[in-house]
Structure formats: structure tokens, C-alpha cells
Amino acid sequence: MLTKEQLIERLNLEKHPEGGYFKETYRSEISITESNLPSEFTSDRSVSTCIYFMLTSDSFSAFHKVNQDEAWHFYLGATIDLHMISPEGEYSKIHIGNDFLNDETPQFIVPAQHWFAAEIQSKDSFALVGCTVAPGFDFKDFELADRLELQQKFPEHTSVISKLTR
């Protein structure tokens, strides 16, 4: 298997503001006008976008949310623990990977407006996934969590919020 450094170079991955590395691999040329989108979208969007996303064990993907459902597709590497907090405050955790006998799933959809973060438990490892959103991603749709604000909103989840915010 390639090293994380080799994958970063081979796939042209860049650091992502939430943590990890990414590369946009697809952006639909077809657009949806702002007037045909829900009110949380403030401009036109591509119909769909896809990225490679690599998470390493020496970092984490910090709690954030987007306006779209986000599909995660597991490609290779270590299991990812994906943590979610719904708008109503319900916490859940999903294991994304390919060990089907241990309740891992190779594909998962994070619902729009859910706060979510991800980490790898295995030392000295990484995971490569694909993430697809529709309507297409724009950083206008991305909100990185403020630790104190999120803890005030969901005090019952202070521990995991503290662990997975910067």
C-alpha cells in the first residue's frame, strides 16, 4: 500500500480547513439557480461535486456542517469514526470502513445541517474516502464549529465536542 505522503502527492491533495486533505475531482457543469434552491443557499450551485478526502491518525476532521447531504464512500485504509450531532441534539457515531463483520459500512450519508467530525483510532494510519454532495459544494455552505458555542448549544456532548474542535 502507498504511504500517506505518496497518496497526497499522487492525488494532488491539499490541506482542508476542517483537517485532513482533499482534492475536488468533479464539479457538474450543470447548475441550479439560487431561486430554485432552499433559502440557506445564497447563490447558484453546481448540481453535484465530489472530492477525495484523506484523514490521518495524527489529526481529525473538526466538527462542521454543510447545507447539503454528504455521501461518504470508503476507498482504503483505517476505519473512520464519524461523529454526528443532529440539529435537535441527538448524538450518533458511525464506523466507515470495510470490516463488515464489525458493523463498518463502506458508504454513509450525513444529513444536511448535522454537525459532524471524523477521526481514526488506529495509530500511524490513514483512510481515503470520497465525499459527494448535491447540490454541489461551495465554501459558502461550510461552517466550522466554534467549540464554546457548540458546547453551549449541546452541553450533553461537551466531551466529544471538546475533543473534535480546534
C-alpha atoms as a PDB file:
ATOM      1  CA  MET A   1       0.000   0.000   0.000  1.00  0.00           C
ATOM      2  CA  LEU A   2       1.143   3.551  -0.672  1.00  0.00           C
ATOM      3  CA  THR A   3       2.171   5.790   2.197  1.00  0.00           C
ATOM      4  CA  LYS A   4       0.057   8.807   3.101  1.00  0.00           C
ATOM      5  CA  GLU A   5       2.771  11.080   1.674  1.00  0.00           C
ATOM      6  CA  GLN A   6       2.713   9.191  -1.626  1.00  0.00           C
ATOM      7  CA  LEU A   7      -1.081   9.441  -1.812  1.00  0.00           C
ATOM      8  CA  ILE A   8      -1.021  13.164  -1.033  1.00  0.00           C
ATOM      9  CA  GLU A   9       1.453  13.685  -3.877  1.00  0.00           C
ATOM     10  CA  ARG A  10      -0.157  11.268  -6.357  1.00  0.00           C
ATOM     11  CA  LEU A  11      -3.683  12.625  -5.852  1.00  0.00           C
ATOM     12  CA  ASN A  12      -2.616  16.301  -5.515  1.00  0.00           C
ATOM     13  CA  LEU A  13      -4.289  16.629  -2.127  1.00  0.00           C
ATOM     14  CA  GLU A  14      -4.301  19.932  -0.231  1.00  0.00           C
ATOM     15  CA  LYS A  15      -4.895  20.621   3.460  1.00  0.00           C
ATOM     16  CA  HIS A  16      -8.571  21.077   4.289  1.00  0.00           C
ATOM     17  CA  PRO A  17      -9.712  23.767   6.794  1.00  0.00           C
ATOM     18  CA  GLU A  18     -11.547  21.118   8.861  1.00  0.00           C
ATOM     19  CA  GLY A  19      -8.441  18.876   8.982  1.00  0.00           C
ATOM     20  CA  GLY A  20      -7.216  16.171   6.649  1.00  0.00           C
ATOM     21  CA  TYR A  21      -6.509  16.589   2.958  1.00  0.00           C
ATOM     22  CA  PHE A  22      -8.739  16.934  -0.107  1.00  0.00           C
ATOM     23  CA  LYS A  23      -8.921  17.356  -3.858  1.00  0.00           C
ATOM     24  CA  GLU A  24     -12.017  18.223  -5.843  1.00  0.00           C
ATOM     25  CA  THR A  25     -12.433  15.555  -8.524  1.00  0.00           C
ATOM     26  CA  TYR A  26     -15.762  16.537 -10.075  1.00  0.00           C
ATOM     27  CA  ARG A  27     -17.941  19.615 -10.435  1.00  0.00           C
ATOM     28  CA  SER A  28     -21.027  19.313 -12.603  1.00  0.00           C
ATOM     29  CA  GLU A  29     -21.229  21.817 -15.431  1.00  0.00           C
ATOM     30  CA  ILE A  30     -24.994  21.885 -14.925  1.00  0.00           C
ATOM     31  CA  SER A  31     -26.139  24.479 -12.377  1.00  0.00           C
ATOM     32  CA  ILE A  32     -29.168  25.034 -10.205  1.00  0.00           C
ATOM     33  CA  THR A  33     -30.175  28.674  -9.852  1.00  0.00           C
ATOM     34  CA  GLU A  34     -30.432  30.211  -6.408  1.00  0.00           C
ATOM     35  CA  SER A  35     -34.167  30.791  -6.929  1.00  0.00           C
ATOM     36  CA  ASN A  36     -34.651  27.015  -7.258  1.00  0.00           C
ATOM     37  CA  LEU A  37     -32.716  26.176  -4.080  1.00  0.00           C
ATOM     38  CA  PRO A  38     -33.765  26.302  -0.405  1.00  0.00           C
ATOM     39  CA  SER A  39     -33.195  29.616   1.374  1.00  0.00           C
ATOM     40  CA  GLU A  40     -29.897  28.547   3.041  1.00  0.00           C
ATOM     41  CA  PHE A  41     -28.204  28.684  -0.386  1.00  0.00           C
ATOM     42  CA  THR A  42     -27.157  32.219  -1.293  1.00  0.00           C
ATOM     43  CA  SER A  43     -26.133  31.707  -4.924  1.00  0.00           C
ATOM     44  CA  ASP A  44     -26.306  29.244  -7.811  1.00  0.00           C
ATOM     45  CA  ARG A  45     -24.791  25.768  -7.254  1.00  0.00           C
ATOM     46  CA  SER A  46     -23.499  23.017  -9.479  1.00  0.00           C
ATOM     47  CA  VAL A  47     -25.801  20.025  -9.480  1.00  0.00           C
ATOM     48  CA  SER A  48     -23.135  17.897  -7.735  1.00  0.00           C
ATOM     49  CA  THR A  49     -19.486  17.848  -6.637  1.00  0.00           C
ATOM     50  CA  CYS A  50     -17.088  15.125  -5.489  1.00  0.00           C
ATOM     51  CA  ILE A  51     -13.792  15.166  -3.613  1.00  0.00           C
ATOM     52  CA  TYR A  52     -11.136  12.791  -2.417  1.00  0.00           C
ATOM     53  CA  PHE A  53     -10.713  13.212   1.337  1.00  0.00           C
ATOM     54  CA  MET A  54      -7.849  11.713   3.308  1.00  0.00           C
ATOM     55  CA  LEU A  55      -7.859  11.631   7.078  1.00  0.00           C
ATOM     56  CA  THR A  56      -4.756  10.736   9.080  1.00  0.00           C
ATOM     57  CA  SER A  57      -4.356   9.439  12.615  1.00  0.00           C
ATOM     58  CA  ASP A  58      -2.281  12.476  13.602  1.00  0.00           C
ATOM     59  CA  SER A  59      -5.222  14.840  13.069  1.00  0.00           C
ATOM     60  CA  PHE A  60      -9.027  14.842  12.843  1.00  0.00           C
ATOM     61  CA  SER A  61     -11.825  16.375  10.846  1.00  0.00           C
ATOM     62  CA  ALA A  62     -13.243  19.018  13.183  1.00  0.00           C
ATOM     63  CA  PHE A  63     -16.966  19.449  13.775  1.00  0.00           C
ATOM     64  CA  HIS A  64     -18.547  21.318  10.895  1.00  0.00           C
ATOM     65  CA  LYS A  65     -21.778  21.323   8.929  1.00  0.00           C
ATOM     66  CA  VAL A  66     -22.894  21.945   5.376  1.00  0.00           C
ATOM     67  CA  ASN A  67     -26.217  22.759   3.733  1.00  0.00           C
ATOM     68  CA  GLN A  68     -26.313  19.518   1.729  1.00  0.00           C
ATOM     69  CA  ASP A  69     -26.480  15.820   2.454  1.00  0.00           C
ATOM     70  CA  GLU A  70     -22.926  14.481   2.173  1.00  0.00           C
ATOM     71  CA  ALA A  71     -22.233  10.947   0.939  1.00  0.00           C
ATOM     72  CA  TRP A  72     -19.027   9.280   2.189  1.00  0.00           C
ATOM     73  CA  HIS A  73     -17.538   6.416   0.123  1.00  0.00           C
ATOM     74  CA  PHE A  74     -14.736   4.369   1.709  1.00  0.00           C
ATOM     75  CA  TYR A  75     -11.793   3.515  -0.564  1.00  0.00           C
ATOM     76  CA  LEU A  76      -8.924   2.267   1.580  1.00  0.00           C
ATOM     77  CA  GLY A  77      -7.079   2.439   4.882  1.00  0.00           C
ATOM     78  CA  ALA A  78      -8.117   2.520   8.521  1.00  0.00           C
ATOM     79  CA  THR A  79     -11.640   2.712   9.910  1.00  0.00           C
ATOM     80  CA  ILE A  80     -13.078   6.207  10.310  1.00  0.00           C
ATOM     81  CA  ASP A  81     -15.247   7.054  13.319  1.00  0.00           C
ATOM     82  CA  LEU A  82     -17.770   9.621  12.092  1.00  0.00           C
ATOM     83  CA  HIS A  83     -19.473  11.570  14.910  1.00  0.00           C
ATOM     84  CA  MET A  84     -22.726  13.453  14.302  1.00  0.00           C
ATOM     85  CA  ILE A  85     -24.976  15.781  16.261  1.00  0.00           C
ATOM     86  CA  SER A  86     -28.379  16.439  14.733  1.00  0.00           C
ATOM     87  CA  PRO A  87     -29.936  19.934  14.821  1.00  0.00           C
ATOM     88  CA  GLU A  88     -32.101  18.604  17.705  1.00  0.00           C
ATOM     89  CA  GLY A  89     -29.015  17.495  19.669  1.00  0.00           C
ATOM     90  CA  GLU A  90     -29.089  13.725  19.070  1.00  0.00           C
ATOM     91  CA  TYR A  91     -25.564  12.235  19.002  1.00  0.00           C
ATOM     92  CA  SER A  92     -24.607   9.236  16.871  1.00  0.00           C
ATOM     93  CA  LYS A  93     -21.410   7.567  15.676  1.00  0.00           C
ATOM     94  CA  ILE A  94     -20.862   5.502  12.543  1.00  0.00           C
ATOM     95  CA  HIS A  95     -17.829   3.382  11.618  1.00  0.00           C
ATOM     96  CA  ILE A  96     -16.864   3.862   7.979  1.00  0.00           C
ATOM     97  CA  GLY A  97     -14.697   1.088   6.585  1.00  0.00           C
ATOM     98  CA  ASN A  98     -14.805  -2.340   5.008  1.00  0.00           C
ATOM     99  CA  ASP A  99     -14.836  -4.678   8.039  1.00  0.00           C
ATOM    100  CA  PHE A 100     -18.467  -5.688   7.549  1.00  0.00           C
ATOM    101  CA  LEU A 101     -18.367  -8.252  10.378  1.00  0.00           C
ATOM    102  CA  ASN A 102     -17.624  -5.434  12.850  1.00  0.00           C
ATOM    103  CA  ASP A 103     -20.501  -3.151  11.824  1.00  0.00           C
ATOM    104  CA  GLU A 104     -18.465  -0.975   9.473  1.00  0.00           C
ATOM    105  CA  THR A 105     -20.140   0.474   6.411  1.00  0.00           C
ATOM    106  CA  PRO A 106     -18.385   1.461   3.176  1.00  0.00           C
ATOM    107  CA  GLN A 107     -20.908   4.198   2.401  1.00  0.00           C
ATOM    108  CA  PHE A 108     -22.805   6.611   4.606  1.00  0.00           C
ATOM    109  CA  ILE A 109     -24.898   9.763   4.140  1.00  0.00           C
ATOM    110  CA  VAL A 110     -24.519  12.625   6.630  1.00  0.00           C
ATOM    111  CA  PRO A 111     -27.812  14.555   6.589  1.00  0.00           C
ATOM    112  CA  ALA A 112     -27.731  18.255   5.763  1.00  0.00           C
ATOM    113  CA  GLN A 113     -27.307  20.626   8.726  1.00  0.00           C
ATOM    114  CA  HIS A 114     -25.909  17.912  11.028  1.00  0.00           C
ATOM    115  CA  TRP A 115     -22.705  18.800  12.837  1.00  0.00           C
ATOM    116  CA  PHE A 116     -20.126  16.125  12.064  1.00  0.00           C
ATOM    117  CA  ALA A 117     -16.498  15.288  12.762  1.00  0.00           C
ATOM    118  CA  ALA A 118     -14.280  12.315  11.986  1.00  0.00           C
ATOM    119  CA  GLU A 119     -11.240  10.599  13.432  1.00  0.00           C
ATOM    120  CA  ILE A 120      -9.115   7.497  13.051  1.00  0.00           C
ATOM    121  CA  GLN A 121      -8.385   5.396  16.141  1.00  0.00           C
ATOM    122  CA  SER A 122      -5.530   3.298  14.671  1.00  0.00           C
ATOM    123  CA  LYS A 123      -2.064   4.761  15.267  1.00  0.00           C
ATOM    124  CA  ASP A 124       0.148   5.727  12.333  1.00  0.00           C
ATOM    125  CA  SER A 125      -2.578   5.200   9.756  1.00  0.00           C
ATOM    126  CA  PHE A 126      -4.834   6.995   7.316  1.00  0.00           C
ATOM    127  CA  ALA A 127      -8.039   6.499   5.336  1.00  0.00           C
ATOM    128  CA  LEU A 128      -9.018   7.626   1.868  1.00  0.00           C
ATOM    129  CA  VAL A 129     -12.678   8.296   1.115  1.00  0.00           C
ATOM    130  CA  GLY A 130     -14.714  10.120  -1.453  1.00  0.00           C
ATOM    131  CA  CYS A 131     -17.327  12.697  -0.475  1.00  0.00           C
ATOM    132  CA  THR A 132     -20.192  13.688  -2.774  1.00  0.00           C
ATOM    133  CA  VAL A 133     -22.684  16.496  -2.225  1.00  0.00           C
ATOM    134  CA  ALA A 134     -25.708  17.665  -4.159  1.00  0.00           C
ATOM    135  CA  PRO A 135     -26.327  20.476  -4.781  1.00  0.00           C
ATOM    136  CA  GLY A 136     -22.614  20.982  -5.317  1.00  0.00           C
ATOM    137  CA  PHE A 137     -20.308  22.199  -2.570  1.00  0.00           C
ATOM    138  CA  ASP A 138     -19.319  25.812  -2.108  1.00  0.00           C
ATOM    139  CA  PHE A 139     -17.389  27.077   0.911  1.00  0.00           C
ATOM    140  CA  LYS A 140     -20.345  29.453   1.492  1.00  0.00           C
ATOM    141  CA  ASP A 141     -22.190  26.305   2.657  1.00  0.00           C
ATOM    142  CA  PHE A 142     -19.457  25.285   5.110  1.00  0.00           C
ATOM    143  CA  GLU A 143     -19.490  26.238   8.803  1.00  0.00           C
ATOM    144  CA  LEU A 144     -16.648  25.179  11.075  1.00  0.00           C
ATOM    145  CA  ALA A 145     -17.861  24.827  14.668  1.00  0.00           C
ATOM    146  CA  ASP A 146     -16.829  27.216  17.392  1.00  0.00           C
ATOM    147  CA  ARG A 147     -16.083  24.982  20.399  1.00  0.00           C
ATOM    148  CA  LEU A 148     -17.743  27.150  23.063  1.00  0.00           C
ATOM    149  CA  GLU A 149     -20.842  27.917  21.003  1.00  0.00           C
ATOM    150  CA  LEU A 150     -21.359  24.245  20.136  1.00  0.00           C
ATOM    151  CA  GLN A 151     -20.848  23.187  23.770  1.00  0.00           C
ATOM    152  CA  GLN A 152     -23.353  25.808  24.928  1.00  0.00           C
ATOM    153  CA  LYS A 153     -25.883  24.576  22.392  1.00  0.00           C
ATOM    154  CA  PHE A 154     -25.297  20.880  23.192  1.00  0.00           C
ATOM    155  CA  PRO A 155     -23.876  20.686  26.745  1.00  0.00           C
ATOM    156  CA  GLU A 156     -24.603  16.959  26.958  1.00  0.00           C
ATOM    157  CA  HIS A 157     -21.942  16.404  24.247  1.00  0.00           C
ATOM    158  CA  THR A 158     -19.208  18.618  25.752  1.00  0.00           C
ATOM    159  CA  SER A 159     -16.622  15.832  25.839  1.00  0.00           C
ATOM    160  CA  VAL A 160     -16.762  14.849  22.157  1.00  0.00           C
ATOM    161  CA  ILE A 161     -17.098  18.497  21.082  1.00  0.00           C
ATOM    162  CA  SER A 162     -14.007  19.416  23.094  1.00  0.00           C
ATOM    163  CA  LYS A 163     -12.077  16.516  21.574  1.00  0.00           C
ATOM    164  CA  LEU A 164     -13.041  17.249  17.956  1.00  0.00           C
ATOM    165  CA  THR A 165     -12.912  21.047  17.660  1.00  0.00           C
ATOM    166  CA  ARG A 166      -9.968  23.400  17.378  1.00  0.00           C
END
